[in-house]
């Protein structure tokens, strides 16, 4: 039995040619060179970066140029711009004619106050006014009588003067012709002088009496006018015992019970004017210095936005907030309710053609002084100067140019590194 050997399994190997070996080595060198060339940027980035962060954890935005609007958005509370509280004008028993929540119109009677003392005082003063008016008319009659009496005395003196003048004329003729003694002539002269003096005094008395009577009449007239003012004031007070609504609206709270004895100047009820609503807003004190009366505002009610104006700003800060009042310009939303919550946007400032970027947490992380500019997969730290800020944008004064991309999410992950590799 013949045992076969392994010669049948042997393979004849031909010696490798040197040319083929060179080609193989050349190919390997080329592949390594290409790999190094493609890997060089990555290796370069790795060598430049101190930190590495996944791109999924970052938010980026492009720096743009345009119109910058600085505004704030706050929650406002609808309040009635006109909500007067009515007071009792006098003490007495009050009787309400409306209930809380009733609709009322202007000048509608809502309550009455029964004050017998005031009404009795009015009647007494009216009676006194009537008495003074009678006294005034009596004084007018008395004045006319005294004027007639004075006129009578003045006329008598005038007649006596004329008689003395005629008597003097006859005495002069008789004395010239020697038909009258010197004594009688002198007596006629004395009589004429006496008549002239009496006439002069009668004229003065008539003038003084006229002035005195006019003064007395004026005094009586002033007393009547003073009493008329007193009666008119009492009538006003009596009319104010009827409490009427100053506006169209609804009755608010009744602060006293029906048929209660109220004191003077005590609040009794309030009225809410439903046609004049304002929005009361609470604004952070950080914006207190930027607020000014007259600023434009937008109030969102439902799906609509209404124009409004900031009309009041509180001079004090309470709980780190400033209270403001926003009034609608023209159209008012329908169906508003007291204390209803509405979103209000107040326009603080508007700038045109400025460099800006979308607002993000990077502003708080770097205190508005640091930004990471993204380029070639690396976020590089850069110092910036920011200006005004709004709800959605930040004004860039220095450090960034339009078209650059920066990280707007929080940069706390970067640990203040100068360059951060962004992994895709």
Protein backbone atom coordinates (compact mmCIF):
# COMPACT_ATOMS: atom_id res chain seq x y z
CA UNK A 1 0.00 0.00 0.00
CA UNK A 2 1.48 3.25 -1.12
CA UNK A 3 1.09 6.28 1.16
CA UNK A 4 0.73 9.57 -0.76
CA UNK A 5 2.67 12.63 0.30
CA UNK A 6 1.64 16.27 0.42
CA UNK A 7 3.09 17.16 -2.90
CA UNK A 8 -0.36 17.49 -4.40
CA UNK A 9 -1.18 20.29 -1.98
CA UNK A 10 1.84 22.39 -2.73
CA UNK A 11 1.38 25.70 -4.64
CA UNK A 12 4.06 27.14 -6.68
CA UNK A 13 4.71 30.78 -5.68
CA UNK A 14 6.13 33.18 -8.10
CA UNK A 15 8.49 35.85 -6.80
CA UNK A 16 6.89 39.36 -6.41
CA UNK A 17 7.95 41.94 -8.82
CA UNK A 18 9.44 45.16 -7.46
CA UNK A 19 7.12 47.25 -9.67
CA UNK A 20 3.98 45.97 -7.99
CA UNK A 21 5.43 46.65 -4.56
CA UNK A 22 6.14 50.25 -5.48
CA UNK A 23 2.57 50.78 -6.69
CA UNK A 24 1.18 49.38 -3.48
CA UNK A 25 3.37 51.57 -1.32
CA UNK A 26 2.52 54.63 -3.42
CA UNK A 27 -1.22 54.00 -3.04
CA UNK A 28 -0.88 53.68 0.70
CA UNK A 29 1.05 56.95 0.91
CA UNK A 30 -1.57 58.75 -1.18
CA UNK A 31 -4.39 57.41 1.00
CA UNK A 32 -2.61 58.49 4.15
CA UNK A 33 -1.90 61.94 2.68
CA UNK A 34 -5.55 62.42 1.67
CA UNK A 35 -6.71 61.29 5.10
CA UNK A 36 -4.32 63.69 6.78
CA UNK A 37 -5.44 66.51 4.48
CA UNK A 38 -9.11 65.97 5.27
CA UNK A 39 -8.46 65.47 8.97
CA UNK A 40 -6.24 68.52 9.28
CA UNK A 41 -9.12 71.06 9.85
CA UNK A 42 -10.69 68.83 12.44
CA UNK A 43 -7.38 68.30 14.16
CA UNK A 44 -6.76 72.04 13.97
CA UNK A 45 -10.14 72.78 15.53
CA UNK A 46 -9.50 70.22 18.24
CA UNK A 47 -6.18 71.85 18.98
CA UNK A 48 -7.74 75.35 19.19
CA UNK A 49 -10.76 74.49 21.37
CA UNK A 50 -10.61 74.22 25.12
CA UNK A 51 -14.14 72.83 25.43
CA UNK A 52 -16.46 70.72 23.31
CA UNK A 53 -20.26 71.04 23.28
CA UNK A 54 -22.93 69.28 21.24
CA UNK A 55 -24.76 71.48 18.75
CA UNK A 56 -28.10 70.07 19.92
CA UNK A 57 -27.65 71.86 23.24
CA UNK A 58 -27.15 75.28 21.65
CA UNK A 59 -29.35 77.91 20.04
CA UNK A 60 -27.87 80.27 17.48
CA UNK A 61 -29.01 83.46 15.76
CA UNK A 62 -27.67 85.75 13.09
CA UNK A 63 -26.77 89.36 13.78
CA UNK A 64 -28.97 91.61 11.67
CA UNK A 65 -29.53 95.29 11.01
CA UNK A 66 -32.94 96.92 11.11
CA UNK A 67 -35.43 98.86 13.20
CA UNK A 68 -35.19 98.21 16.92
CA UNK A 69 -38.29 98.41 19.09
CA UNK A 70 -37.81 98.41 22.82
CA UNK A 71 -40.89 97.32 24.70
CA UNK A 72 -42.10 95.46 27.74
CA UNK A 73 -44.98 93.04 28.15
CA UNK A 74 -46.90 92.94 31.40
CA UNK A 75 -50.18 91.61 32.70
CA UNK A 76 -52.76 94.35 33.26
CA UNK A 77 -55.96 94.48 35.28
CA UNK A 78 -59.08 96.19 33.93
CA UNK A 79 -60.30 98.93 36.23
CA UNK A 80 -63.01 101.53 35.84
CA UNK A 81 -61.53 104.91 34.98
CA UNK A 82 -64.57 106.55 36.59
CA UNK A 83 -65.77 104.90 39.77
CA UNK A 84 -66.99 107.64 42.11
CA UNK A 85 -67.94 107.02 45.72
CA UNK A 86 -70.99 109.00 46.86
CA UNK A 87 -71.23 110.47 50.36
CA UNK A 88 -74.05 111.57 52.62
CA UNK A 89 -74.26 115.37 52.46
CA UNK A 90 -76.19 115.62 55.73
CA UNK A 91 -76.96 113.42 58.69
CA UNK A 92 -80.28 111.60 58.60
CA UNK A 93 -82.02 108.38 57.70
CA UNK A 94 -81.09 106.98 54.28
CA UNK A 95 -83.48 105.16 51.98
CA UNK A 96 -82.01 103.29 49.00
CA UNK A 97 -83.96 102.97 45.76
CA UNK A 98 -81.41 100.68 44.04
CA UNK A 99 -79.51 97.53 44.89
CA UNK A 100 -75.88 96.60 44.32
CA UNK A 101 -75.39 95.60 40.68
CA UNK A 102 -78.38 97.54 39.30
CA UNK A 103 -77.90 99.50 36.09
CA UNK A 104 -78.38 103.24 36.45
CA UNK A 105 -78.26 106.24 34.16
CA UNK A 106 -76.94 109.70 34.83
CA UNK A 107 -79.05 111.81 37.26
CA UNK A 108 -81.14 108.80 38.27
CA UNK A 109 -82.22 108.89 41.93
CA UNK A 110 -80.46 106.17 43.90
CA UNK A 111 -81.12 107.16 47.52
CA UNK A 112 -82.69 109.85 49.67
CA UNK A 113 -81.78 111.14 53.12
CA UNK A 114 -84.50 112.29 55.51
CA UNK A 115 -83.23 115.30 57.49
CA UNK A 116 -86.11 117.11 59.28
CA UNK A 117 -83.74 119.59 60.93
CA UNK A 118 -82.38 120.83 57.61
CA UNK A 119 -85.80 121.07 56.01
CA UNK A 120 -87.15 122.97 59.01
CA UNK A 121 -84.18 125.35 58.88
CA UNK A 122 -84.92 125.99 55.21
CA UNK A 123 -88.54 126.89 55.99
CA UNK A 124 -87.44 129.27 58.76
CA UNK A 125 -84.93 131.02 56.52
CA UNK A 126 -87.49 131.28 53.71
CA UNK A 127 -89.90 132.95 56.13
CA UNK A 128 -87.17 135.35 57.24
CA UNK A 129 -86.42 136.14 53.59
CA UNK A 130 -90.07 137.01 53.02
CA UNK A 131 -89.99 139.29 56.08
CA UNK A 132 -86.87 141.06 54.84
CA UNK A 133 -88.44 141.58 51.44
CA UNK A 134 -91.46 143.17 53.10
CA UNK A 135 -89.15 145.40 55.14
CA UNK A 136 -87.36 146.38 51.95
CA UNK A 137 -90.62 147.42 50.30
CA UNK A 138 -91.64 149.33 53.45
CA UNK A 139 -88.30 151.12 53.38
CA UNK A 140 -88.88 152.09 49.76
CA UNK A 141 -92.24 153.63 50.70
CA UNK A 142 -90.72 155.40 53.71
CA UNK A 143 -87.93 156.72 51.54
CA UNK A 144 -90.37 158.13 49.03
CA UNK A 145 -92.37 159.77 51.85
CA UNK A 146 -89.27 161.37 53.32
CA UNK A 147 -88.15 162.49 49.87
CA UNK A 148 -91.54 164.16 49.39
CA UNK A 149 -91.26 165.80 52.81
CA UNK A 150 -87.81 167.10 51.99
CA UNK A 151 -89.04 168.33 48.64
CA UNK A 152 -91.92 170.07 50.40
CA UNK A 153 -89.53 171.91 52.74
CA UNK A 154 -87.31 172.82 49.78
CA UNK A 155 -90.31 174.20 47.86
CA UNK A 156 -91.50 176.18 50.89
CA UNK A 157 -88.06 177.73 51.31
CA UNK A 158 -88.00 178.60 47.61
CA UNK A 159 -91.39 180.31 47.87
CA UNK A 160 -90.29 182.19 50.99
CA UNK A 161 -87.14 183.31 49.16
CA UNK A 162 -89.15 184.62 46.23
CA UNK A 163 -91.47 186.50 48.62
CA UNK A 164 -88.49 188.04 50.43
CA UNK A 165 -86.94 189.05 47.10
CA UNK A 166 -90.21 190.82 46.04
CA UNK A 167 -90.49 192.46 49.42
CA UNK A 168 -86.91 193.69 49.12
CA UNK A 169 -87.62 195.08 45.69
CA UNK A 170 -90.62 197.08 46.99
CA UNK A 171 -88.59 198.21 50.00
CA UNK A 172 -85.83 199.55 47.78
CA UNK A 173 -88.36 201.54 45.72
CA UNK A 174 -90.10 202.92 48.79
CA UNK A 175 -86.82 203.75 50.54
CA UNK A 176 -85.58 205.58 47.43
CA UNK A 177 -88.75 207.65 47.28
CA UNK A 178 -88.57 208.35 51.03
CA UNK A 179 -91.76 206.42 51.77
CA UNK A 180 -89.97 203.90 54.09
CA UNK A 181 -87.83 204.40 57.06
CA UNK A 182 -84.32 203.08 57.28
CA UNK A 183 -85.38 200.64 59.98
CA UNK A 184 -88.01 199.01 57.77
CA UNK A 185 -85.56 198.92 54.87
CA UNK A 186 -82.94 197.15 56.95
CA UNK A 187 -85.56 194.69 58.21
CA UNK A 188 -86.43 193.84 54.59
CA UNK A 189 -82.75 193.18 53.94
CA UNK A 190 -82.56 190.87 56.96
CA UNK A 191 -85.67 189.02 55.87
CA UNK A 192 -84.12 188.44 52.41
CA UNK A 193 -80.89 187.11 53.89
CA UNK A 194 -82.84 184.83 56.20
CA UNK A 195 -84.90 183.47 53.28
CA UNK A 196 -81.77 182.86 51.23
CA UNK A 197 -80.11 181.00 54.13
CA UNK A 198 -83.17 178.86 54.76
CA UNK A 199 -83.40 177.99 51.05
CA UNK A 200 -79.72 177.06 50.97
CA UNK A 201 -80.08 174.81 54.05
CA UNK A 202 -83.21 173.22 52.62
CA UNK A 203 -81.27 172.26 49.50
CA UNK A 204 -78.48 170.74 51.61
CA UNK A 205 -81.00 168.89 53.79
CA UNK A 206 -82.74 167.48 50.73
CA UNK A 207 -79.42 166.21 49.35
CA UNK A 208 -78.38 164.64 52.65
CA UNK A 209 -81.77 163.04 53.13
CA UNK A 210 -81.55 161.54 49.65
CA UNK A 211 -78.14 160.05 50.44
CA UNK A 212 -79.33 158.75 53.81
CA UNK A 213 -82.43 157.18 52.34
CA UNK A 214 -80.40 155.61 49.55
CA UNK A 215 -77.97 154.15 52.11
CA UNK A 216 -80.81 152.74 54.23
CA UNK A 217 -82.46 151.28 51.17
CA UNK A 218 -79.17 149.73 50.07
CA UNK A 219 -78.68 148.24 53.55
CA UNK A 220 -82.09 146.62 53.37
CA UNK A 221 -81.33 145.35 49.88
CA UNK A 222 -78.06 143.79 51.03
CA UNK A 223 -79.85 142.07 53.90
CA UNK A 224 -82.32 140.60 51.45
CA UNK A 225 -79.55 139.43 49.11
CA UNK A 226 -77.64 137.88 51.99
CA UNK A 227 -80.75 136.02 53.10
CA UNK A 228 -81.39 134.89 49.51
CA UNK A 229 -77.90 133.37 49.38
CA UNK A 230 -78.53 131.59 52.67
CA UNK A 231 -81.85 130.24 51.43
CA UNK A 232 -80.29 129.19 48.14
CA UNK A 233 -77.53 127.31 49.98
CA UNK A 234 -80.09 125.56 52.18
CA UNK A 235 -82.13 124.67 49.09
CA UNK A 236 -78.97 123.16 47.58
CA UNK A 237 -78.38 121.14 50.72
CA UNK A 238 -81.97 119.92 50.70
CA UNK A 239 -81.69 118.97 47.02
CA UNK A 240 -78.49 117.07 47.81
CA UNK A 241 -80.48 114.91 50.20
CA UNK A 242 -81.51 113.16 46.97
CA UNK A 243 -78.45 111.19 45.85
CA UNK A 244 -78.32 110.79 42.06
CA UNK A 245 -75.96 108.88 39.78
CA UNK A 246 -73.24 111.07 38.22
CA UNK A 247 -72.61 108.62 35.33
CA UNK A 248 -74.18 105.83 33.33
CA UNK A 249 -73.11 102.52 34.82
CA UNK A 250 -73.93 100.05 37.55
CA UNK A 251 -74.26 100.37 41.30
CA UNK A 252 -71.21 99.12 43.16
CA UNK A 253 -71.17 98.42 46.87
CA UNK A 254 -73.71 99.76 49.35
CA UNK A 255 -71.61 100.66 52.37
CA UNK A 256 -74.58 101.13 54.74
CA UNK A 257 -77.81 99.27 55.33
CA UNK A 258 -81.29 100.35 54.33
CA UNK A 259 -82.93 102.90 56.68
CA UNK A 260 -79.65 103.48 58.51
CA UNK A 261 -78.98 106.77 60.27
CA UNK A 262 -75.90 108.11 58.47
CA UNK A 263 -73.53 110.89 59.47
CA UNK A 264 -72.51 113.82 57.32
CA UNK A 265 -69.76 112.99 54.77
CA UNK A 266 -70.15 109.24 55.39
CA UNK A 267 -69.68 107.06 52.24
CA UNK A 268 -72.91 105.33 51.31
CA UNK A 269 -72.42 103.72 47.87
CA UNK A 270 -70.28 103.67 44.73
CA UNK A 271 -71.04 103.73 40.99
CA UNK A 272 -68.95 102.11 38.25
CA UNK A 273 -68.90 103.73 34.80
CA UNK A 274 -68.82 100.83 32.34
CA UNK A 275 -68.13 103.10 29.37
CA UNK A 276 -64.71 104.24 30.59
CA UNK A 277 -62.27 101.42 31.32
CA UNK A 278 -58.52 101.62 31.86
CA UNK A 279 -55.86 98.95 32.35
CA UNK A 280 -53.79 99.04 35.51
CA UNK A 281 -50.36 97.51 34.94
CA UNK A 282 -47.59 96.50 37.33
CA UNK A 283 -44.15 97.17 35.80
CA UNK A 284 -40.80 96.08 37.22
CA UNK A 285 -38.87 98.85 38.93
CA UNK A 286 -35.96 98.27 36.54
CA UNK A 287 -38.03 100.06 33.88
CA UNK A 288 -39.20 102.86 36.21
CA UNK A 289 -36.74 105.43 34.84
CA UNK A 290 -37.78 104.65 31.26
CA UNK A 291 -41.49 105.15 31.76
CA UNK A 292 -43.11 108.42 30.70
CA UNK A 293 -46.68 109.57 30.36
CA UNK A 294 -47.84 109.49 26.74
CA UNK A 295 -45.99 106.32 25.68
CA UNK A 296 -47.83 104.13 23.19
CA UNK A 297 -49.16 100.75 24.29
CA UNK A 298 -50.96 97.75 22.81
CA UNK A 299 -53.60 95.87 24.78
CA UNK A 300 -54.50 92.37 23.65
CA UNK A 301 -58.08 91.29 24.31
CA UNK A 302 -58.91 87.89 22.88
CA UNK A 303 -57.50 87.72 19.36
CA UNK A 304 -57.52 91.49 18.78
CA UNK A 305 -55.04 94.21 19.68
CA UNK A 306 -56.18 97.70 20.68
CA UNK A 307 -54.19 100.94 20.69
CA UNK A 308 -53.74 102.61 24.05
CA UNK A 309 -51.64 105.25 25.81
CA UNK A 310 -49.85 105.27 29.14
CA UNK A 311 -51.63 108.07 31.03
CA UNK A 312 -50.35 107.70 34.60
CA UNK A 313 -47.28 106.39 36.43
CA UNK A 314 -47.15 105.99 40.19
CA UNK A 315 -44.43 108.06 41.89
CA UNK A 316 -43.66 105.27 44.36
CA UNK A 317 -42.39 101.70 44.13
CA UNK A 318 -44.28 99.00 45.98
CA UNK A 319 -43.03 95.39 46.12
CA UNK A 320 -40.39 96.16 43.46
CA UNK A 321 -43.06 97.29 41.01
CA UNK A 322 -44.40 100.55 39.62
CA UNK A 323 -48.11 100.98 39.01
CA UNK A 324 -49.24 102.54 35.72
CA UNK A 325 -52.54 103.31 34.00
CA UNK A 326 -53.16 102.62 30.30
CA UNK A 327 -56.14 104.25 28.54
CA UNK A 328 -57.65 103.02 25.27
CA UNK A 329 -57.41 105.27 22.21
CA UNK A 330 -60.83 105.34 20.64
CA UNK A 331 -62.19 101.81 20.31
CA UNK A 332 -62.67 99.86 23.53
CA UNK A 333 -62.94 96.04 23.62
CA UNK A 334 -66.47 94.78 24.08
CA UNK A 335 -67.50 92.78 27.09
CA UNK A 336 -64.79 93.99 29.46
CA UNK A 337 -65.21 93.15 33.13
CA UNK A 338 -63.82 94.74 36.26
CA UNK A 339 -60.48 93.12 37.27
CA UNK A 340 -60.24 91.20 33.97
CA UNK A 341 -56.64 90.28 33.07
CA UNK A 342 -55.24 91.54 29.77
CA UNK A 343 -51.77 91.35 28.24
CA UNK A 344 -50.34 94.82 27.71
CA UNK A 345 -47.29 95.82 25.67
CA UNK A 346 -45.74 99.21 26.39
CA UNK A 347 -43.49 100.74 23.72
CA UNK A 348 -40.53 102.31 25.52
CA UNK A 349 -38.25 103.25 22.61
CA UNK A 350 -37.92 102.90 18.85
CA UNK A 351 -34.63 103.11 16.90
CA UNK A 352 -34.02 102.81 13.19
CA UNK A 353 -31.23 101.06 11.28
CA UNK A 354 -29.34 99.57 14.22
CA UNK A 355 -27.34 96.36 14.65
CA UNK A 356 -29.24 93.84 16.76
CA UNK A 357 -29.61 90.18 17.55
CA UNK A 358 -32.32 87.97 18.94
CA UNK A 359 -32.49 88.04 22.72
CA UNK A 360 -31.35 84.92 24.56
CA UNK A 361 -29.84 83.61 27.76
CA UNK A 362 -26.34 84.53 26.58
CA UNK A 363 -27.13 88.12 27.59
CA UNK A 364 -27.60 87.11 31.23
CA UNK A 365 -24.75 84.55 31.19
CA UNK A 366 -22.21 87.13 30.00
CA UNK A 367 -23.82 90.18 31.62
CA UNK A 368 -24.23 91.66 28.16
CA UNK A 369 -20.45 91.89 27.63
CA UNK A 370 -19.55 88.51 26.11
CA UNK A 371 -20.76 86.69 23.00
CA UNK A 372 -19.55 83.53 21.26
CA UNK A 373 -19.25 83.98 17.51
CA UNK A 374 -19.67 80.75 15.52
CA UNK A 375 -17.38 80.05 12.57
CA UNK A 376 -15.95 76.81 11.10
CA UNK A 377 -17.58 74.77 13.82
CA UNK A 378 -15.93 76.74 16.63
CA UNK A 379 -17.56 79.30 18.92
CA UNK A 380 -15.03 81.97 19.75
CA UNK A 381 -15.38 84.29 22.70
CA UNK A 382 -15.64 88.00 21.87
CA UNK A 383 -16.16 91.12 23.93
CA UNK A 384 -19.22 93.13 22.92
CA UNK A 385 -21.02 96.31 23.99
CA UNK A 386 -24.82 96.18 24.17
CA UNK A 387 -27.34 98.97 24.20
CA UNK A 388 -31.08 98.89 24.69
CA UNK A 389 -32.89 95.61 25.24
CA UNK A 390 -36.42 94.58 24.40
CA UNK A 391 -38.51 91.48 24.81
CA UNK A 392 -37.18 89.93 21.62
CA UNK A 393 -34.00 91.78 20.61
CA UNK A 394 -30.80 93.29 21.95
CA UNK A 395 -29.07 96.31 20.44
CA UNK A 396 -25.38 95.72 19.61
CA UNK A 397 -23.19 98.81 19.82
CA UNK A 398 -19.74 97.22 19.36
CA UNK A 399 -18.17 93.83 18.79
CA UNK A 400 -20.49 92.23 16.21
CA UNK A 401 -21.31 92.92 12.59
CA UNK A 402 -24.42 92.01 10.62
CA UNK A 403 -24.26 88.55 9.10
CA UNK A 404 -22.29 86.92 11.92
CA UNK A 405 -23.82 84.05 13.86
CA UNK A 406 -23.59 83.85 17.64
CA UNK A 407 -24.74 81.48 20.35
CA UNK A 408 -27.84 82.97 22.03
CA UNK A 409 -28.46 80.14 24.49
CA UNK A 410 -26.79 80.03 27.88
CA UNK A 411 -22.99 80.05 27.66
CA UNK A 412 -22.45 78.66 31.14
CA UNK A 413 -21.55 75.31 29.46
CA UNK A 414 -18.48 76.95 27.90
CA UNK A 415 -16.82 77.61 31.27
CA UNK A 416 -15.49 80.97 29.98
CA UNK A 417 -13.35 79.19 27.34
CA UNK A 418 -11.87 81.31 24.55
CA UNK A 419 -12.88 78.74 21.89
CA UNK A 420 -15.44 75.96 22.05
CA UNK A 421 -15.74 73.10 19.55
CA UNK A 422 -19.32 72.54 18.40
CA UNK A 423 -19.95 68.83 17.71
CA UNK A 424 -22.57 67.93 15.18
